[in-house]
C-alpha atoms as a PDB file:
ATOM      1  CA  MET A   1       0.055   0.014  -0.028  1.00  0.00           C
ATOM      2  CA  PHE A   2       2.775   2.538   0.936  1.00  0.00           C
ATOM      3  CA  PHE A   3       4.871   1.573  -2.047  1.00  0.00           C
ATOM      4  CA  ARG A   4       1.925   1.938  -4.580  1.00  0.00           C
ATOM      5  CA  ARG A   5       0.918   5.273  -3.069  1.00  0.00           C
ATOM      6  CA  TYR A   6       4.543   6.809  -3.143  1.00  0.00           C
ATOM      7  CA  ARG A   7       6.032   4.760  -5.745  1.00  0.00           C
ATOM      8  CA  ALA A   8       7.157   7.761  -7.967  1.00  0.00           C
ATOM      9  CA  LEU A   9       8.691   9.542  -4.860  1.00  0.00           C
ATOM     10  CA  VAL A  10      10.780   6.354  -3.945  1.00  0.00           C
ATOM     11  CA  ILE A  11      11.835   5.883  -7.491  1.00  0.00           C
ATOM     12  CA  LEU A  12      12.905   9.567  -7.721  1.00  0.00           C
ATOM     13  CA  GLY A  13      14.723   9.524  -4.410  1.00  0.00           C
ATOM     14  CA  ILE A  14      16.608   6.380  -5.748  1.00  0.00           C
ATOM     15  CA  VAL A  15      17.514   8.013  -8.904  1.00  0.00           C
ATOM     16  CA  LEU A  16      18.520  11.128  -6.961  1.00  0.00           C
ATOM     17  CA  ALA A  17      20.700   9.036  -4.685  1.00  0.00           C
ATOM     18  CA  ILE A  18      22.414   7.398  -7.705  1.00  0.00           C
ATOM     19  CA  LEU A  19      23.115  10.784  -9.222  1.00  0.00           C
ATOM     20  CA  ILE A  20      24.630  12.080  -6.119  1.00  0.00           C
ATOM     21  CA  VAL A  21      27.063   9.024  -5.746  1.00  0.00           C
ATOM     22  CA  LEU A  22      27.975   9.380  -9.366  1.00  0.00           C
ATOM     23  CA  LEU A  23      28.723  13.097  -8.908  1.00  0.00           C
ATOM     24  CA  VAL A  24      30.851  12.493  -5.838  1.00  0.00           C
ATOM     25  CA  LEU A  25      32.734   9.696  -7.781  1.00  0.00           C
ATOM     26  CA  PHE A  26      33.451  12.001 -10.747  1.00  0.00           C
ATOM     27  CA  GLN A  27      34.610  14.694  -8.511  1.00  0.00           C
ATOM     28  CA  GLN A  28      37.014  12.433  -6.816  1.00  0.00           C
ATOM     29  CA  ILE A  29      38.385  11.227 -10.250  1.00  0.00           C
ATOM     30  CA  LYS A  30      38.802  14.924 -11.472  1.00  0.00           C
ATOM     31  CA  ARG A  31      40.575  15.873  -7.991  1.00  0.00           C
ATOM     32  CA  ASP A  32      42.947  12.878  -8.431  1.00  0.00           C
ATOM     33  CA  GLU A  33      43.696  13.774 -12.005  1.00  0.00           C
ATOM     34  CA  LEU A  34      44.451  17.320 -10.984  1.00  0.00           C
ATOM     35  CA  ASN A  35      46.838  16.144  -8.192  1.00  0.00           C
ATOM     36  CA  ASN A  36      48.597  13.814 -10.594  1.00  0.00           C
ATOM     37  CA  GLN A  37      49.122  16.693 -13.005  1.00  0.00           C
ATOM     38  CA  LEU A  38      50.135  19.056 -10.458  1.00  0.00           C
ATOM     39  CA  THR A  39      53.084  16.839  -9.562  1.00  0.00           C
ATOM     40  CA  LYS A  40      54.232  17.093 -13.166  1.00  0.00           C
ATOM     41  CA  VAL A  41      54.320  21.068 -13.182  1.00  0.00           C
ATOM     42  CA  GLU A  42      56.952  22.819 -11.277  1.00  0.00           C
ATOM     43  CA  LEU A  43      57.464  26.256 -10.056  1.00  0.00           C
ATOM     44  CA  GLN A  44      61.208  27.132  -9.968  1.00  0.00           C
ATOM     45  CA  ASN A  45      63.337  29.877  -8.706  1.00  0.00           C
ATOM     46  CA  VAL A  46      60.388  31.872  -7.180  1.00  0.00           C
ATOM     47  CA  ARG A  47      61.726  35.010  -5.622  1.00  0.00           C
ATOM     48  CA  ILE A  48      60.859  38.569  -4.702  1.00  0.00           C
ATOM     49  CA  GLY A  49      62.865  41.346  -6.423  1.00  0.00           C
ATOM     50  CA  ALA A  50      62.681  44.755  -7.861  1.00  0.00           C
ATOM     51  CA  GLY A  51      61.545  44.905 -11.523  1.00  0.00           C
ATOM     52  CA  ILE A  52      59.779  47.210 -14.065  1.00  0.00           C
ATOM     53  CA  SER A  53      56.104  46.697 -14.924  1.00  0.00           C
ATOM     54  CA  ASN A  54      54.361  49.112 -17.101  1.00  0.00           C
ATOM     55  CA  GLY A  55      57.358  51.401 -17.026  1.00  0.00           C
ATOM     56  CA  VAL A  56      57.268  51.639 -13.217  1.00  0.00           C
ATOM     57  CA  LEU A  57      59.895  50.242 -11.006  1.00  0.00           C
ATOM     58  CA  GLY A  58      58.500  48.269  -8.116  1.00  0.00           C
ATOM     59  CA  THR A  59      58.604  45.045  -6.143  1.00  0.00           C
ATOM     60  CA  ALA A  60      57.628  42.020  -7.936  1.00  0.00           C
ATOM     61  CA  ILE A  61      57.338  38.181  -7.558  1.00  0.00           C
ATOM     62  CA  PHE A  62      59.324  36.393 -10.263  1.00  0.00           C
ATOM     63  CA  GLY A  63      59.837  32.789 -11.203  1.00  0.00           C
ATOM     64  CA  GLU A  64      59.633  30.030 -13.870  1.00  0.00           C
ATOM     65  CA  ILE A  65      56.756  27.545 -14.424  1.00  0.00           C
ATOM     66  CA  ASN A  66      57.856  24.267 -16.192  1.00  0.00           C
ATOM     67  CA  ASN A  67      55.390  21.823 -17.703  1.00  0.00           C
ATOM     68  CA  LYS A  68      56.816  18.218 -17.297  1.00  0.00           C
ATOM     69  CA  GLY A  69      53.364  16.659 -17.944  1.00  0.00           C
ATOM     70  CA  ASP A  70      51.929  15.455 -21.178  1.00  0.00           C
ATOM     71  CA  LYS A  71      48.921  18.024 -21.469  1.00  0.00           C
ATOM     72  CA  ILE A  72      48.881  21.503 -22.803  1.00  0.00           C
ATOM     73  CA  ILE A  73      48.006  24.007 -19.998  1.00  0.00           C
ATOM     74  CA  SER A  74      45.903  26.854 -20.869  1.00  0.00           C
ATOM     75  CA  ILE A  75      45.550  28.345 -17.200  1.00  0.00           C
ATOM     76  CA  ALA A  76      47.720  27.745 -14.227  1.00  0.00           C
ATOM     77  CA  GLU A  77      46.656  29.173 -10.823  1.00  0.00           C
ATOM     78  CA  MET A  78      49.394  29.786  -8.305  1.00  0.00           C
ATOM     79  CA  ASN A  79      48.595  30.896  -4.645  1.00  0.00           C
ATOM     80  CA  VAL A  80      51.204  33.103  -2.834  1.00  0.00           C
ATOM     81  CA  GLU A  81      51.000  33.102   0.970  1.00  0.00           C
ATOM     82  CA  PHE A  82      52.635  36.290   2.328  1.00  0.00           C
ATOM     83  CA  MET A  83      53.794  35.665   5.957  1.00  0.00           C
ATOM     84  CA  ASN A  84      53.832  38.109   8.919  1.00  0.00           C
ATOM     85  CA  GLU A  85      56.256  38.589  11.739  1.00  0.00           C
ATOM     86  CA  ASP A  86      54.632  35.789  13.790  1.00  0.00           C
ATOM     87  CA  GLY A  87      55.258  33.243  11.046  1.00  0.00           C
ATOM     88  CA  GLU A  88      51.442  33.065  10.200  1.00  0.00           C
ATOM     89  CA  VAL A  89      49.807  33.716   6.779  1.00  0.00           C
ATOM     90  CA  ALA A  90      48.964  37.448   6.576  1.00  0.00           C
ATOM     91  CA  LYS A  91      47.390  37.321   3.046  1.00  0.00           C
ATOM     92  CA  VAL A  92      47.015  34.838   0.217  1.00  0.00           C
ATOM     93  CA  HIS A  93      46.838  36.040  -3.219  1.00  0.00           C
ATOM     94  CA  LYS A  94      46.268  34.335  -6.569  1.00  0.00           C
ATOM     95  CA  PHE A  95      48.506  34.833  -9.618  1.00  0.00           C
ATOM     96  CA  PHE A  96      48.087  33.173 -12.900  1.00  0.00           C
ATOM     97  CA  PRO A  97      51.652  32.529 -14.721  1.00  0.00           C
ATOM     98  CA  VAL A  98      49.639  30.903 -17.607  1.00  0.00           C
ATOM     99  CA  ASN A  99      46.615  32.574 -18.514  1.00  0.00           C
ATOM    100  CA  LYS A 100      44.661  32.163 -21.952  1.00  0.00           C
ATOM    101  CA  PHE A 101      42.807  35.469 -21.213  1.00  0.00           C
ATOM    102  CA  SER A 102      45.899  37.650 -20.799  1.00  0.00           C
ATOM    103  CA  PHE A 103      46.440  40.370 -23.201  1.00  0.00           C
ATOM    104  CA  ARG A 104      50.135  40.157 -23.016  1.00  0.00           C
ATOM    105  CA  GLU A 105      50.831  36.451 -22.999  1.00  0.00           C
ATOM    106  CA  SER A 106      47.971  34.333 -23.836  1.00  0.00           C
ATOM    107  CA  LEU A 107      49.882  31.339 -25.160  1.00  0.00           C
ATOM    108  CA  PRO A 108      49.384  28.015 -23.491  1.00  0.00           C
ATOM    109  CA  LEU A 109      52.324  26.026 -21.899  1.00  0.00           C
ATOM    110  CA  LYS A 110      53.021  22.923 -24.003  1.00  0.00           C
ATOM    111  CA  PRO A 111      54.581  19.677 -22.544  1.00  0.00           C
ATOM    112  CA  GLY A 112      58.341  20.218 -22.062  1.00  0.00           C
ATOM    113  CA  GLN A 113      57.996  24.140 -22.227  1.00  0.00           C
ATOM    114  CA  SER A 114      58.910  26.744 -19.452  1.00  0.00           C
ATOM    115  CA  LYS A 115      57.741  30.056 -18.958  1.00  0.00           C
ATOM    116  CA  GLU A 116      59.177  32.943 -16.911  1.00  0.00           C
ATOM    117  CA  PHE A 117      56.771  35.098 -15.094  1.00  0.00           C
ATOM    118  CA  GLY A 118      56.743  38.267 -13.043  1.00  0.00           C
ATOM    119  CA  PHE A 119      53.847  40.092 -11.152  1.00  0.00           C
ATOM    120  CA  PRO A 120      54.040  43.395  -9.446  1.00  0.00           C
ATOM    121  CA  ILE A 121      53.105  43.154  -5.472  1.00  0.00           C
ATOM    122  CA  ASP A 122      53.534  46.584  -4.157  1.00  0.00           C
ATOM    123  CA  ASP A 123      49.714  47.074  -4.126  1.00  0.00           C
ATOM    124  CA  ILE A 124      49.031  43.474  -2.857  1.00  0.00           C
ATOM    125  CA  VAL A 125      51.341  42.762   0.075  1.00  0.00           C
ATOM    126  CA  PRO A 126      49.989  43.388   3.553  1.00  0.00           C
ATOM    127  CA  GLU A 127      51.445  45.981   5.940  1.00  0.00           C
ATOM    128  CA  ASP A 128      52.603  43.403   8.388  1.00  0.00           C
ATOM    129  CA  TRP A 129      54.482  41.092   5.770  1.00  0.00           C
ATOM    130  CA  ASP A 130      57.871  40.265   7.031  1.00  0.00           C
ATOM    131  CA  GLY A 131      59.219  39.585   3.471  1.00  0.00           C
ATOM    132  CA  THR A 132      58.734  35.716   3.474  1.00  0.00           C
ATOM    133  CA  PHE A 133      56.389  33.873   1.337  1.00  0.00           C
ATOM    134  CA  THR A 134      55.268  30.467  -0.066  1.00  0.00           C
ATOM    135  CA  ALA A 135      54.185  29.741  -3.530  1.00  0.00           C
ATOM    136  CA  ARG A 136      52.375  26.715  -4.884  1.00  0.00           C
ATOM    137  CA  LEU A 137      50.182  25.723  -7.826  1.00  0.00           C
ATOM    138  CA  THR A 138      46.677  25.116  -6.855  1.00  0.00           C
ATOM    139  CA  GLU A 139      44.774  24.598 -10.153  1.00  0.00           C
ATOM    140  CA  LEU A 140      45.575  23.772 -13.693  1.00  0.00           C
ATOM    141  CA  ILE A 141      43.252  23.950 -16.761  1.00  0.00           C
ATOM    142  CA  PHE A 142      44.116  22.017 -19.934  1.00  0.00           C
ATOM    143  CA  LYS A 143      43.476  22.851 -23.521  1.00  0.00           C
END
């Protein structure tokens, strides 16, 4: 009696549960693939220094990104954590050393290629920044 009365709702609930399980599984597969690809792309020689951006001398973060993987990267996201005097993260900022939407350098990063980057940070760093930072890749989007 109960099943006949609510059969459509029970079937809908089962289908919804199956879809949720599939969604979670696909998200895990994509996350594993991203983590695997992140191990194949390296940030090298990331440093803070003086540089010229748009004709103005200022402080900038420089480095190189190296694609040792087998996929073409159209966007690479790098998080930089600026530390304070207590050794805590004072601010996190996202930079894009590879960005297909960039006006200046929109070329993708092919397997085996490296690319130097530099971003001005004078307007980004927090006031309590002690000069130390960490940088790591957090996201890759492939062509």
